Amino acid sequence: MRAYNLKSICLQLTLWFSAFTAGAQHIEILHSDKAVSLRGLSVVTDNVIWVSGSKGTVGRSTDGGKNWEWMTVPGYEARDFRDVEAFNDKVAVIIAIATPAHILRTTDGGKTWNLTYENKGKGMFLDAMDFTTRENGIVVGDVSNGHLFIARTRDGGATWSESVEPYATADSTEGCFASSGTNIRLSKDGSYFFVTGGRKSRIVSNRAAVVLPFDDSKSSTGANSIAVAKGGRMIVVGGDFAADTVRSRNCFISNDGGSNWIMPKISPYGYRSCVEFVTGEQAIACGLNGVDVSYDAGITWRSVSNESFHACRKAKKGTAVYLSGNNGRIGKLVK
């Protein structure tokens, strides 16, 4: 009778279960009939979702994506809102890229918008923001006066204060990709991590700056998004958006808070603009040529869709995972 090693059996069962689970998941398309690019995505609950994008567009759903209310912010018809942060079905903050840099806020579900920050400085380009509570938030932008731009709010985006950070010095060859609104993450204690790309790719915090091992040969390469979980776990994705099928050096993992980085055993299937932890072990990543999931904190990835998406976010209060992309495309991760 053949002897079976218990550890080997457990490993085989784990791999079989992961394969079965991944195969059972897919992306359900909820909306795809608007000629806009949606890079901003904020999922408040399983039902309340906000998106933002080109042509001054903002969208809101209060029933899990079944129905959408679309609005064009007056006076901003030609602007691109690359990130949105919502707190409920009434209150949300959006950022407009390029010069002048603008941040706007609504408290009535998008019926009216108030300009809460403006910067006409040369080269201003806001990329992404993150909030830990309804009050405390941070926004990051490209290089301004020798530093990557940082501003904070402590009143939910009603006012913003610029901050020159010690480890954020940079030149014009380095920047933050405004691809999904997820290249910065703010912690409850006020500390932050953000990632950069271009001719240099780094992870920058209020305590240090560490070079990331992405390809830095072109302005289109580097880190695009960072996901942070408990215990110092981090996943960073990116690659080359000009060669979106290339799988090499498009994802790195850290288990010590960003000091050291390793490559996955099986990488995502191309350039990825966004990554998000769903649980402590499960993560999702998306990009121009598809969507991948991982069940081992980024060590191995499996493709679940060939649909193109820019952003993927889990509900702040809930379990639902939604995605947004080109052509007004909005999706949901389902089993």
C-alpha atoms as a PDB file:
ATOM      1  CA  MET A   1       0.000   0.000   0.000  1.00  0.00           C
ATOM      2  CA  ARG A   2       1.369   3.434  -0.990  1.00  0.00           C
ATOM      3  CA  ALA A   3       2.304   5.672   1.922  1.00  0.00           C
ATOM      4  CA  TYR A   4       1.073   9.271   1.787  1.00  0.00           C
ATOM      5  CA  ASN A   5       2.816  12.182   3.480  1.00  0.00           C
ATOM      6  CA  LEU A   6       0.322  14.218   5.517  1.00  0.00           C
ATOM      7  CA  LYS A   7       1.985  17.542   4.656  1.00  0.00           C
ATOM      8  CA  SER A   8       1.894  16.688   0.946  1.00  0.00           C
ATOM      9  CA  ILE A   9      -1.787  15.785   1.127  1.00  0.00           C
ATOM     10  CA  CYS A  10      -2.624  19.047   2.931  1.00  0.00           C
ATOM     11  CA  LEU A  11      -0.689  21.045   0.338  1.00  0.00           C
ATOM     12  CA  GLN A  12      -2.487  19.327  -2.541  1.00  0.00           C
ATOM     13  CA  LEU A  13      -5.869  19.941  -0.901  1.00  0.00           C
ATOM     14  CA  THR A  14      -5.017  23.616  -0.367  1.00  0.00           C
ATOM     15  CA  LEU A  15      -3.977  24.049  -4.003  1.00  0.00           C
ATOM     16  CA  TRP A  16      -7.110  22.225  -5.204  1.00  0.00           C
ATOM     17  CA  PHE A  17      -9.356  24.390  -3.041  1.00  0.00           C
ATOM     18  CA  SER A  18      -7.654  27.591  -4.235  1.00  0.00           C
ATOM     19  CA  ALA A  19      -8.031  26.547  -7.854  1.00  0.00           C
ATOM     20  CA  PHE A  20     -11.697  25.657  -7.336  1.00  0.00           C
ATOM     21  CA  THR A  21     -12.409  28.953  -5.561  1.00  0.00           C
ATOM     22  CA  ALA A  22     -10.608  31.059  -8.160  1.00  0.00           C
ATOM     23  CA  GLY A  23     -12.333  29.245 -10.992  1.00  0.00           C
ATOM     24  CA  ALA A  24     -15.704  29.927  -9.412  1.00  0.00           C
ATOM     25  CA  GLN A  25     -15.152  33.677  -9.273  1.00  0.00           C
ATOM     26  CA  HIS A  26     -15.788  35.981 -12.214  1.00  0.00           C
ATOM     27  CA  ILE A  27     -16.511  39.606 -13.044  1.00  0.00           C
ATOM     28  CA  GLU A  28     -20.120  40.626 -13.632  1.00  0.00           C
ATOM     29  CA  ILE A  29     -20.466  43.736 -15.816  1.00  0.00           C
ATOM     30  CA  LEU A  30     -22.947  46.153 -14.255  1.00  0.00           C
ATOM     31  CA  HIS A  31     -22.601  49.140 -16.600  1.00  0.00           C
ATOM     32  CA  SER A  32     -20.753  49.920 -19.840  1.00  0.00           C
ATOM     33  CA  ASP A  33     -22.619  52.435 -21.974  1.00  0.00           C
ATOM     34  CA  LYS A  34     -20.931  55.775 -21.241  1.00  0.00           C
ATOM     35  CA  ALA A  35     -18.039  57.023 -23.366  1.00  0.00           C
ATOM     36  CA  VAL A  36     -15.925  58.023 -20.367  1.00  0.00           C
ATOM     37  CA  SER A  37     -12.919  56.629 -18.553  1.00  0.00           C
ATOM     38  CA  LEU A  38     -13.644  55.883 -14.881  1.00  0.00           C
ATOM     39  CA  ARG A  39     -10.482  55.792 -12.768  1.00  0.00           C
ATOM     40  CA  GLY A  40     -11.996  57.057  -9.525  1.00  0.00           C
ATOM     41  CA  LEU A  41     -13.867  54.477  -7.430  1.00  0.00           C
ATOM     42  CA  SER A  42     -15.090  54.601  -3.828  1.00  0.00           C
ATOM     43  CA  VAL A  43     -17.186  51.795  -2.325  1.00  0.00           C
ATOM     44  CA  VAL A  44     -18.795  52.914   0.929  1.00  0.00           C
ATOM     45  CA  THR A  45     -21.002  49.881   1.572  1.00  0.00           C
ATOM     46  CA  ASP A  46     -22.120  46.887  -0.460  1.00  0.00           C
ATOM     47  CA  ASN A  47     -24.784  49.167  -1.962  1.00  0.00           C
ATOM     48  CA  VAL A  48     -23.325  52.705  -2.031  1.00  0.00           C
ATOM     49  CA  ILE A  49     -20.765  53.205  -4.819  1.00  0.00           C
ATOM     50  CA  TRP A  50     -19.270  56.355  -6.335  1.00  0.00           C
ATOM     51  CA  VAL A  51     -17.179  56.613  -9.516  1.00  0.00           C
ATOM     52  CA  SER A  52     -15.454  59.559 -11.216  1.00  0.00           C
ATOM     53  CA  GLY A  53     -13.641  60.134 -14.463  1.00  0.00           C
ATOM     54  CA  SER A  54     -13.198  62.046 -17.679  1.00  0.00           C
ATOM     55  CA  LYS A  55     -15.460  64.749 -19.134  1.00  0.00           C
ATOM     56  CA  GLY A  56     -16.259  66.012 -15.621  1.00  0.00           C
ATOM     57  CA  THR A  57     -18.192  62.823 -14.883  1.00  0.00           C
ATOM     58  CA  VAL A  58     -19.317  61.527 -11.498  1.00  0.00           C
ATOM     59  CA  GLY A  59     -21.619  58.547 -10.978  1.00  0.00           C
ATOM     60  CA  ARG A  60     -23.440  57.277  -7.915  1.00  0.00           C
ATOM     61  CA  SER A  61     -25.363  54.096  -7.119  1.00  0.00           C
ATOM     62  CA  THR A  62     -27.252  53.332  -3.912  1.00  0.00           C
ATOM     63  CA  ASP A  63     -28.480  49.846  -4.852  1.00  0.00           C
ATOM     64  CA  GLY A  64     -25.282  47.886  -5.493  1.00  0.00           C
ATOM     65  CA  GLY A  65     -24.809  49.056  -9.074  1.00  0.00           C
ATOM     66  CA  LYS A  66     -28.218  48.133 -10.449  1.00  0.00           C
ATOM     67  CA  ASN A  67     -29.066  51.757 -11.160  1.00  0.00           C
ATOM     68  CA  TRP A  68     -26.816  54.785 -11.596  1.00  0.00           C
ATOM     69  CA  GLU A  69     -27.238  58.527 -11.299  1.00  0.00           C
ATOM     70  CA  TRP A  70     -24.828  60.313 -13.637  1.00  0.00           C
ATOM     71  CA  MET A  71     -23.786  63.934 -13.310  1.00  0.00           C
ATOM     72  CA  THR A  72     -21.385  66.334 -15.004  1.00  0.00           C
ATOM     73  CA  VAL A  73     -19.910  68.860 -12.586  1.00  0.00           C
ATOM     74  CA  PRO A  74     -20.793  72.354 -13.941  1.00  0.00           C
ATOM     75  CA  GLY A  75     -17.728  74.239 -15.151  1.00  0.00           C
ATOM     76  CA  TYR A  76     -15.606  71.067 -15.155  1.00  0.00           C
ATOM     77  CA  GLU A  77     -16.900  69.440 -18.324  1.00  0.00           C
ATOM     78  CA  ALA A  78     -13.382  69.143 -19.767  1.00  0.00           C
ATOM     79  CA  ARG A  79     -11.680  67.971 -16.561  1.00  0.00           C
ATOM     80  CA  ASP A  80     -10.723  64.458 -15.521  1.00  0.00           C
ATOM     81  CA  PHE A  81     -11.592  63.422 -11.960  1.00  0.00           C
ATOM     82  CA  ARG A  82      -9.052  60.661 -11.325  1.00  0.00           C
ATOM     83  CA  ASP A  83     -10.113  59.895  -7.735  1.00  0.00           C
ATOM     84  CA  VAL A  84     -13.201  60.063  -5.556  1.00  0.00           C
ATOM     85  CA  GLU A  85     -13.574  59.425  -1.823  1.00  0.00           C
ATOM     86  CA  ALA A  86     -17.119  59.014  -0.514  1.00  0.00           C
ATOM     87  CA  PHE A  87     -18.370  58.704   3.049  1.00  0.00           C
ATOM     88  CA  ASN A  88     -22.047  57.945   2.420  1.00  0.00           C
ATOM     89  CA  ASP A  89     -24.618  58.519  -0.325  1.00  0.00           C
ATOM     90  CA  LYS A  90     -24.450  62.308   0.187  1.00  0.00           C
ATOM     91  CA  VAL A  91     -20.858  63.316   0.996  1.00  0.00           C
ATOM     92  CA  ALA A  92     -17.942  62.818  -1.410  1.00  0.00           C
ATOM     93  CA  VAL A  93     -14.654  64.456  -2.445  1.00  0.00           C
ATOM     94  CA  ILE A  94     -13.169  64.465  -5.972  1.00  0.00           C
ATOM     95  CA  ILE A  95      -9.823  65.607  -7.381  1.00  0.00           C
ATOM     96  CA  ALA A  96      -9.191  67.018 -10.866  1.00  0.00           C
ATOM     97  CA  ILE A  97      -5.842  66.314 -12.493  1.00  0.00           C
ATOM     98  CA  ALA A  98      -3.526  68.761 -14.241  1.00  0.00           C
ATOM     99  CA  THR A  99      -3.179  72.510 -13.756  1.00  0.00           C
ATOM    100  CA  PRO A 100      -4.912  74.103 -12.015  1.00  0.00           C
ATOM    101  CA  ALA A 101      -5.213  71.429  -9.341  1.00  0.00           C
ATOM    102  CA  HIS A 102      -8.744  71.340  -7.954  1.00  0.00           C
ATOM    103  CA  ILE A 103     -10.429  69.457  -5.110  1.00  0.00           C
ATOM    104  CA  LEU A 104     -14.217  69.618  -4.827  1.00  0.00           C
ATOM    105  CA  ARG A 105     -16.690  68.381  -2.230  1.00  0.00           C
ATOM    106  CA  THR A 106     -20.412  67.648  -2.195  1.00  0.00           C
ATOM    107  CA  THR A 107     -22.705  67.179   0.800  1.00  0.00           C
ATOM    108  CA  ASP A 108     -25.954  66.703  -1.126  1.00  0.00           C
ATOM    109  CA  GLY A 109     -25.274  63.672  -3.293  1.00  0.00           C
ATOM    110  CA  GLY A 110     -23.688  65.630  -6.138  1.00  0.00           C
ATOM    111  CA  LYS A 111     -26.405  68.225  -6.690  1.00  0.00           C
ATOM    112  CA  THR A 112     -23.865  70.938  -5.848  1.00  0.00           C
ATOM    113  CA  TRP A 113     -20.082  70.938  -5.564  1.00  0.00           C
ATOM    114  CA  ASN A 114     -17.868  73.318  -3.589  1.00  0.00           C
ATOM    115  CA  LEU A 115     -14.263  74.077  -4.568  1.00  0.00           C
ATOM    116  CA  THR A 116     -12.200  73.400  -1.425  1.00  0.00           C
ATOM    117  CA  TYR A 117      -8.656  73.547  -2.860  1.00  0.00           C
ATOM    118  CA  GLU A 118      -7.018  75.230  -5.849  1.00  0.00           C
ATOM    119  CA  ASN A 119      -3.380  75.368  -6.898  1.00  0.00           C
ATOM    120  CA  LYS A 120      -2.326  77.123 -10.097  1.00  0.00           C
ATOM    121  CA  GLY A 121       1.358  76.336  -9.649  1.00  0.00           C
ATOM    122  CA  LYS A 122       3.336  75.252 -12.674  1.00  0.00           C
ATOM    123  CA  GLY A 123       3.221  71.485 -13.225  1.00  0.00           C
ATOM    124  CA  MET A 124       0.623  70.789 -10.539  1.00  0.00           C
ATOM    125  CA  PHE A 125      -0.924  67.359 -11.018  1.00  0.00           C
ATOM    126  CA  LEU A 126      -2.901  65.646  -8.246  1.00  0.00           C
ATOM    127  CA  ASP A 127      -2.845  61.849  -8.445  1.00  0.00           C
ATOM    128  CA  ALA A 128      -4.704  60.180  -5.586  1.00  0.00           C
ATOM    129  CA  MET A 129      -6.074  60.535  -2.071  1.00  0.00           C
ATOM    130  CA  ASP A 130      -6.947  58.364   0.897  1.00  0.00           C
ATOM    131  CA  PHE A 131      -8.942  58.812   4.107  1.00  0.00           C
ATOM    132  CA  THR A 132      -8.836  56.851   7.355  1.00  0.00           C
ATOM    133  CA  THR A 133     -11.941  58.471   8.824  1.00  0.00           C
ATOM    134  CA  ARG A 134     -14.556  60.858   7.528  1.00  0.00           C
ATOM    135  CA  GLU A 135     -12.335  63.726   8.740  1.00  0.00           C
ATOM    136  CA  ASN A 136      -8.717  62.713   8.153  1.00  0.00           C
ATOM    137  CA  GLY A 137      -7.381  62.486   4.609  1.00  0.00           C
ATOM    138  CA  ILE A 138      -4.314  62.967   2.452  1.00  0.00           C
ATOM    139  CA  VAL A 139      -3.682  63.773  -1.222  1.00  0.00           C
ATOM    140  CA  VAL A 140      -0.511  63.163  -3.226  1.00  0.00           C
ATOM    141  CA  GLY A 141       0.630  64.777  -6.448  1.00  0.00           C
ATOM    142  CA  ASP A 142       3.566  65.003  -8.837  1.00  0.00           C
ATOM    143  CA  VAL A 143       6.742  66.959  -8.168  1.00  0.00           C
ATOM    144  CA  SER A 144       6.307  70.597  -7.159  1.00  0.00           C
ATOM    145  CA  ASN A 145       9.323  72.685  -6.106  1.00  0.00           C
ATOM    146  CA  GLY A 146      11.546  69.622  -5.750  1.00  0.00           C
ATOM    147  CA  HIS A 147       9.090  67.582  -3.669  1.00  0.00           C
ATOM    148  CA  LEU A 148       6.277  65.192  -4.435  1.00  0.00           C
ATOM    149  CA  PHE A 149       3.200  67.158  -3.450  1.00  0.00           C
ATOM    150  CA  ILE A 150       1.385  66.305  -0.192  1.00  0.00           C
ATOM    151  CA  ALA A 151      -1.619  67.975   1.422  1.00  0.00           C
ATOM    152  CA  ARG A 152      -3.796  66.913   4.361  1.00  0.00           C
ATOM    153  CA  THR A 153      -7.308  67.549   5.576  1.00  0.00           C
ATOM    154  CA  ARG A 154      -8.762  67.110   9.031  1.00  0.00           C
ATOM    155  CA  ASP A 155     -12.299  68.213   8.236  1.00  0.00           C
ATOM    156  CA  GLY A 156     -13.376  65.781   5.552  1.00  0.00           C
ATOM    157  CA  GLY A 157     -11.923  67.694   2.631  1.00  0.00           C
ATOM    158  CA  ALA A 158     -13.486  71.060   3.456  1.00  0.00           C
ATOM    159  CA  THR A 159      -9.988  72.574   3.834  1.00  0.00           C
ATOM    160  CA  TRP A 160      -6.486  71.359   2.920  1.00  0.00           C
ATOM    161  CA  SER A 161      -2.998  72.152   4.258  1.00  0.00           C
ATOM    162  CA  GLU A 162       0.103  71.577   2.146  1.00  0.00           C
ATOM    163  CA  SER A 163       3.045  69.777   3.733  1.00  0.00           C
ATOM    164  CA  VAL A 164       6.679  69.482   2.613  1.00  0.00           C
ATOM    165  CA  GLU A 165       7.705  65.956   3.584  1.00  0.00           C
ATOM    166  CA  PRO A 166      11.349  65.079   4.349  1.00  0.00           C
ATOM    167  CA  TYR A 167      11.541  61.858   2.302  1.00  0.00           C
ATOM    168  CA  ALA A 168       9.487  63.074  -0.671  1.00  0.00           C
ATOM    169  CA  THR A 169      12.248  64.962  -2.500  1.00  0.00           C
ATOM    170  CA  ALA A 170      12.273  64.092  -6.198  1.00  0.00           C
ATOM    171  CA  ASP A 171      13.013  65.391  -9.679  1.00  0.00           C
ATOM    172  CA  SER A 172      10.781  65.607 -12.727  1.00  0.00           C
ATOM    173  CA  THR A 173      11.642  62.075 -13.927  1.00  0.00           C
ATOM    174  CA  GLU A 174       9.713  60.551 -10.990  1.00  0.00           C
ATOM    175  CA  GLY A 175       5.994  60.855 -10.367  1.00  0.00           C
ATOM    176  CA  CYS A 176       2.839  59.221  -9.056  1.00  0.00           C
ATOM    177  CA  PHE A 177       0.645  57.565 -11.667  1.00  0.00           C
ATOM    178  CA  ALA A 178      -2.943  58.820 -11.496  1.00  0.00           C
ATOM    179  CA  SER A 179      -4.215  55.461 -12.719  1.00  0.00           C
ATOM    180  CA  SER A 180      -6.599  54.280  -9.999  1.00  0.00           C
ATOM    181  CA  GLY A 181      -6.533  56.546  -6.967  1.00  0.00           C
ATOM    182  CA  THR A 182      -4.665  53.917  -4.949  1.00  0.00           C
ATOM    183  CA  ASN A 183      -1.002  54.867  -5.004  1.00  0.00           C
ATOM    184  CA  ILE A 184      -1.274  56.306  -1.482  1.00  0.00           C
ATOM    185  CA  ARG A 185      -2.527  54.691   1.737  1.00  0.00           C
ATOM    186  CA  LEU A 186      -3.026  56.574   4.997  1.00  0.00           C
ATOM    187  CA  SER A 187      -2.875  54.898   8.408  1.00  0.00           C
ATOM    188  CA  LYS A 188      -5.016  55.748  11.410  1.00  0.00           C
ATOM    189  CA  ASP A 189      -1.945  57.051  13.259  1.00  0.00           C
ATOM    190  CA  GLY A 190      -1.342  59.604  10.493  1.00  0.00           C
ATOM    191  CA  SER A 191       1.531  57.786   8.808  1.00  0.00           C
ATOM    192  CA  TYR A 192       1.339  57.111   5.085  1.00  0.00           C
ATOM    193  CA  PHE A 193       2.837  55.094   2.234  1.00  0.00           C
ATOM    194  CA  PHE A 194       2.789  56.067  -1.413  1.00  0.00           C
ATOM    195  CA  VAL A 195       4.482  54.655  -4.500  1.00  0.00           C
ATOM    196  CA  THR A 196       6.059  56.310  -7.517  1.00  0.00           C
ATOM    197  CA  GLY A 197       7.140  55.393 -11.018  1.00  0.00           C
ATOM    198  CA  GLY A 198       8.910  56.649 -14.104  1.00  0.00           C
ATOM    199  CA  ARG A 199      12.690  56.728 -14.221  1.00  0.00           C
ATOM    200  CA  LYS A 200      12.703  55.895 -10.527  1.00  0.00           C
ATOM    201  CA  SER A 201      10.213  53.815  -8.568  1.00  0.00           C
ATOM    202  CA  ARG A 202      10.015  54.121  -4.784  1.00  0.00           C
ATOM    203  CA  ILE A 203       7.804  53.594  -1.782  1.00  0.00           C
ATOM    204  CA  VAL A 204       7.804  56.770   0.276  1.00  0.00           C
ATOM    205  CA  SER A 205       6.559  57.171   3.838  1.00  0.00           C
ATOM    206  CA  ASN A 206       6.889  59.757   6.572  1.00  0.00           C
ATOM    207  CA  ARG A 207       9.769  57.648   7.945  1.00  0.00           C
ATOM    208  CA  ALA A 208      11.768  56.527   4.901  1.00  0.00           C
ATOM    209  CA  ALA A 209      12.006  56.136   1.133  1.00  0.00           C
ATOM    210  CA  VAL A 210      12.903  52.749  -0.370  1.00  0.00           C
ATOM    211  CA  VAL A 211      13.691  52.057  -4.026  1.00  0.00           C
ATOM    212  CA  LEU A 212      11.356  49.460  -5.548  1.00  0.00           C
ATOM    213  CA  PRO A 213      12.717  46.856  -8.014  1.00  0.00           C
ATOM    214  CA  PHE A 214      10.417  47.798 -10.903  1.00  0.00           C
ATOM    215  CA  ASP A 215      11.817  48.421 -14.376  1.00  0.00           C
ATOM    216  CA  ASP A 216      12.870  52.079 -14.520  1.00  0.00           C
ATOM    217  CA  SER A 217      13.945  52.241 -18.151  1.00  0.00           C
ATOM    218  CA  LYS A 218      10.970  54.304 -19.379  1.00  0.00           C
ATOM    219  CA  SER A 219       8.595  56.975 -18.146  1.00  0.00           C
ATOM    220  CA  SER A 220       5.723  54.486 -18.561  1.00  0.00           C
ATOM    221  CA  THR A 221       7.150  51.981 -16.067  1.00  0.00           C
ATOM    222  CA  GLY A 222       6.991  51.675 -12.294  1.00  0.00           C
ATOM    223  CA  ALA A 223       4.628  51.266  -9.377  1.00  0.00           C
ATOM    224  CA  ASN A 224       0.982  52.288  -9.809  1.00  0.00           C
ATOM    225  CA  SER A 225      -0.821  51.052  -6.699  1.00  0.00           C
ATOM    226  CA  ILE A 226      -0.211  49.816  -3.163  1.00  0.00           C
ATOM    227  CA  ALA A 227      -2.327  47.677  -0.838  1.00  0.00           C
ATOM    228  CA  VAL A 228      -1.591  47.438   2.882  1.00  0.00           C
ATOM    229  CA  ALA A 229      -2.789  44.795   5.334  1.00  0.00           C
ATOM    230  CA  LYS A 230      -2.139  44.031   9.000  1.00  0.00           C
ATOM    231  CA  GLY A 231       1.219  42.726  10.139  1.00  0.00           C
ATOM    232  CA  GLY A 232       3.284  44.761   7.683  1.00  0.00           C
ATOM    233  CA  ARG A 233       1.961  42.986   4.588  1.00  0.00           C
ATOM    234  CA  MET A 234       2.066  45.035   1.402  1.00  0.00           C
ATOM    235  CA  ILE A 235       1.502  44.408  -2.285  1.00  0.00           C
ATOM    236  CA  VAL A 236       2.618  46.855  -4.970  1.00  0.00           C
ATOM    237  CA  VAL A 237       1.613  46.491  -8.628  1.00  0.00           C
ATOM    238  CA  GLY A 238       2.456  48.319 -11.817  1.00  0.00           C
ATOM    239  CA  GLY A 239       4.682  47.443 -14.737  1.00  0.00           C
ATOM    240  CA  ASP A 240       4.654  49.158 -18.115  1.00  0.00           C
ATOM    241  CA  PHE A 241       1.324  50.589 -19.220  1.00  0.00           C
ATOM    242  CA  ALA A 242       2.732  50.966 -22.738  1.00  0.00           C
ATOM    243  CA  ALA A 243       3.322  47.179 -22.859  1.00  0.00           C
ATOM    244  CA  ASP A 244       0.408  45.910 -20.817  1.00  0.00           C
ATOM    245  CA  THR A 245       0.875  42.172 -21.438  1.00  0.00           C
ATOM    246  CA  VAL A 246       4.394  42.006 -19.990  1.00  0.00           C
ATOM    247  CA  ARG A 247       4.324  39.997 -16.738  1.00  0.00           C
ATOM    248  CA  SER A 248       7.886  40.530 -15.533  1.00  0.00           C
ATOM    249  CA  ARG A 249       8.522  42.938 -12.640  1.00  0.00           C
ATOM    250  CA  ASN A 250       4.867  44.005 -12.401  1.00  0.00           C
ATOM    251  CA  CYS A 251       4.233  43.006  -8.767  1.00  0.00           C
ATOM    252  CA  PHE A 252       6.223  42.891  -5.530  1.00  0.00           C
ATOM    253  CA  ILE A 253       5.385  41.787  -1.994  1.00  0.00           C
ATOM    254  CA  SER A 254       6.661  42.928   1.401  1.00  0.00           C
ATOM    255  CA  ASN A 255       6.101  41.238   4.744  1.00  0.00           C
ATOM    256  CA  ASP A 256       8.024  43.746   6.845  1.00  0.00           C
ATOM    257  CA  GLY A 257       6.300  47.050   6.237  1.00  0.00           C
ATOM    258  CA  GLY A 258       8.061  47.923   2.991  1.00  0.00           C
ATOM    259  CA  SER A 259      11.740  47.491   3.870  1.00  0.00           C
ATOM    260  CA  ASN A 260      12.279  44.389   1.717  1.00  0.00           C
ATOM    261  CA  TRP A 261      10.468  43.198  -1.407  1.00  0.00           C
ATOM    262  CA  ILE A 262      10.128  39.876  -3.210  1.00  0.00           C
ATOM    263  CA  MET A 263       8.528  38.829  -6.504  1.00  0.00           C
ATOM    264  CA  PRO A 264       5.463  36.561  -6.565  1.00  0.00           C
ATOM    265  CA  LYS A 265       5.888  32.939  -7.593  1.00  0.00           C
ATOM    266  CA  ILE A 266       3.155  33.522 -10.173  1.00  0.00           C
ATOM    267  CA  SER A 267       2.760  37.162 -11.214  1.00  0.00           C
ATOM    268  CA  PRO A 268      -0.401  38.938 -12.380  1.00  0.00           C
ATOM    269  CA  TYR A 269      -1.059  38.576 -16.091  1.00  0.00           C
ATOM    270  CA  GLY A 270       0.282  41.924 -17.243  1.00  0.00           C
ATOM    271  CA  TYR A 271       0.505  45.572 -16.261  1.00  0.00           C
ATOM    272  CA  ARG A 272      -1.759  46.292 -13.270  1.00  0.00           C
ATOM    273  CA  SER A 273      -3.002  49.742 -12.253  1.00  0.00           C
ATOM    274  CA  CYS A 274      -4.701  48.772  -8.976  1.00  0.00           C
ATOM    275  CA  VAL A 275      -4.413  46.247  -6.158  1.00  0.00           C
ATOM    276  CA  GLU A 276      -6.653  45.781  -3.122  1.00  0.00           C
ATOM    277  CA  PHE A 277      -6.701  43.394  -0.165  1.00  0.00           C
ATOM    278  CA  VAL A 278     -10.111  41.713   0.121  1.00  0.00           C
ATOM    279  CA  THR A 279      -9.124  39.827   3.278  1.00  0.00           C
ATOM    280  CA  GLY A 280      -5.795  39.280   5.009  1.00  0.00           C
ATOM    281  CA  GLU A 281      -4.980  36.597   2.444  1.00  0.00           C
ATOM    282  CA  GLN A 282      -7.112  37.388  -0.600  1.00  0.00           C
ATOM    283  CA  ALA A 283      -6.236  40.226  -2.958  1.00  0.00           C
ATOM    284  CA  ILE A 284      -7.460  41.450  -6.323  1.00  0.00           C
ATOM    285  CA  ALA A 285      -5.565  43.338  -9.028  1.00  0.00           C
ATOM    286  CA  CYS A 286      -6.745  44.814 -12.318  1.00  0.00           C
ATOM    287  CA  GLY A 287      -5.328  46.488 -15.392  1.00  0.00           C
ATOM    288  CA  LEU A 288      -5.767  47.177 -19.065  1.00  0.00           C
ATOM    289  CA  ASN A 289      -5.846  43.512 -20.067  1.00  0.00           C
ATOM    290  CA  GLY A 290      -7.646  41.810 -17.195  1.00  0.00           C
ATOM    291  CA  VAL A 291      -8.289  41.005 -13.558  1.00  0.00           C
ATOM    292  CA  ASP A 292      -6.413  38.618 -11.241  1.00  0.00           C
ATOM    293  CA  VAL A 293      -7.022  37.270  -7.744  1.00  0.00           C
ATOM    294  CA  SER A 294      -4.623  35.890  -5.146  1.00  0.00           C
ATOM    295  CA  TYR A 295      -5.506  33.699  -2.161  1.00  0.00           C
ATOM    296  CA  ASP A 296      -2.068  33.757  -0.550  1.00  0.00           C
ATOM    297  CA  ALA A 297      -1.418  37.476  -0.061  1.00  0.00           C
ATOM    298  CA  GLY A 298       0.078  37.994  -3.508  1.00  0.00           C
ATOM    299  CA  ILE A 299       2.405  34.996  -3.774  1.00  0.00           C
ATOM    300  CA  THR A 300       0.438  33.450  -6.633  1.00  0.00           C
ATOM    301  CA  TRP A 301      -2.147  35.060  -8.954  1.00  0.00           C
ATOM    302  CA  ARG A 302      -4.910  33.590 -11.132  1.00  0.00           C
ATOM    303  CA  SER A 303      -6.744  35.331 -13.944  1.00  0.00           C
ATOM    304  CA  VAL A 304     -10.509  35.677 -13.490  1.00  0.00           C
ATOM    305  CA  SER A 305     -11.303  38.021 -16.387  1.00  0.00           C
ATOM    306  CA  ASN A 306      -9.868  39.489 -19.581  1.00  0.00           C
ATOM    307  CA  GLU A 307     -12.000  42.622 -19.198  1.00  0.00           C
ATOM    308  CA  SER A 308     -10.109  45.921 -18.908  1.00  0.00           C
ATOM    309  CA  PHE A 309     -10.431  47.864 -15.647  1.00  0.00           C
ATOM    310  CA  HIS A 310      -8.529  50.735 -14.019  1.00  0.00           C
ATOM    311  CA  ALA A 311      -9.581  50.417 -10.367  1.00  0.00           C
ATOM    312  CA  CYS A 312     -10.848  47.779  -7.941  1.00  0.00           C
ATOM    313  CA  ARG A 313     -12.046  48.521  -4.411  1.00  0.00           C
ATOM    314  CA  LYS A 314     -13.639  46.610  -1.560  1.00  0.00           C
ATOM    315  CA  ALA A 315     -16.511  48.115   0.431  1.00  0.00           C
ATOM    316  CA  LYS A 316     -15.329  50.014   3.502  1.00  0.00           C
ATOM    317  CA  LYS A 317     -18.278  48.607   5.398  1.00  0.00           C
ATOM    318  CA  GLY A 318     -19.121  45.330   3.718  1.00  0.00           C
ATOM    319  CA  THR A 319     -17.637  42.575   1.574  1.00  0.00           C
ATOM    320  CA  ALA A 320     -18.491  43.573  -2.003  1.00  0.00           C
ATOM    321  CA  VAL A 321     -15.705  44.286  -4.509  1.00  0.00           C
ATOM    322  CA  TYR A 322     -16.370  46.591  -7.473  1.00  0.00           C
ATOM    323  CA  LEU A 323     -14.273  47.663 -10.464  1.00  0.00           C
ATOM    324  CA  SER A 324     -14.276  50.629 -12.868  1.00  0.00           C
ATOM    325  CA  GLY A 325     -12.658  51.277 -16.237  1.00  0.00           C
ATOM    326  CA  ASN A 326     -12.878  52.604 -19.779  1.00  0.00           C
ATOM    327  CA  ASN A 327     -16.146  53.126 -21.675  1.00  0.00           C
ATOM    328  CA  GLY A 328     -18.008  53.656 -18.431  1.00  0.00           C
ATOM    329  CA  ARG A 329     -17.383  50.025 -17.531  1.00  0.00           C
ATOM    330  CA  ILE A 330     -18.282  49.035 -13.973  1.00  0.00           C
ATOM    331  CA  GLY A 331     -17.965  45.477 -12.705  1.00  0.00           C
ATOM    332  CA  LYS A 332     -18.385  43.376  -9.593  1.00  0.00           C
ATOM    333  CA  LEU A 333     -16.414  40.377  -8.348  1.00  0.00           C
ATOM    334  CA  VAL A 334     -18.903  37.540  -7.851  1.00  0.00           C
ATOM    335  CA  LYS A 335     -18.881  33.790  -7.288  1.00  0.00           C
END
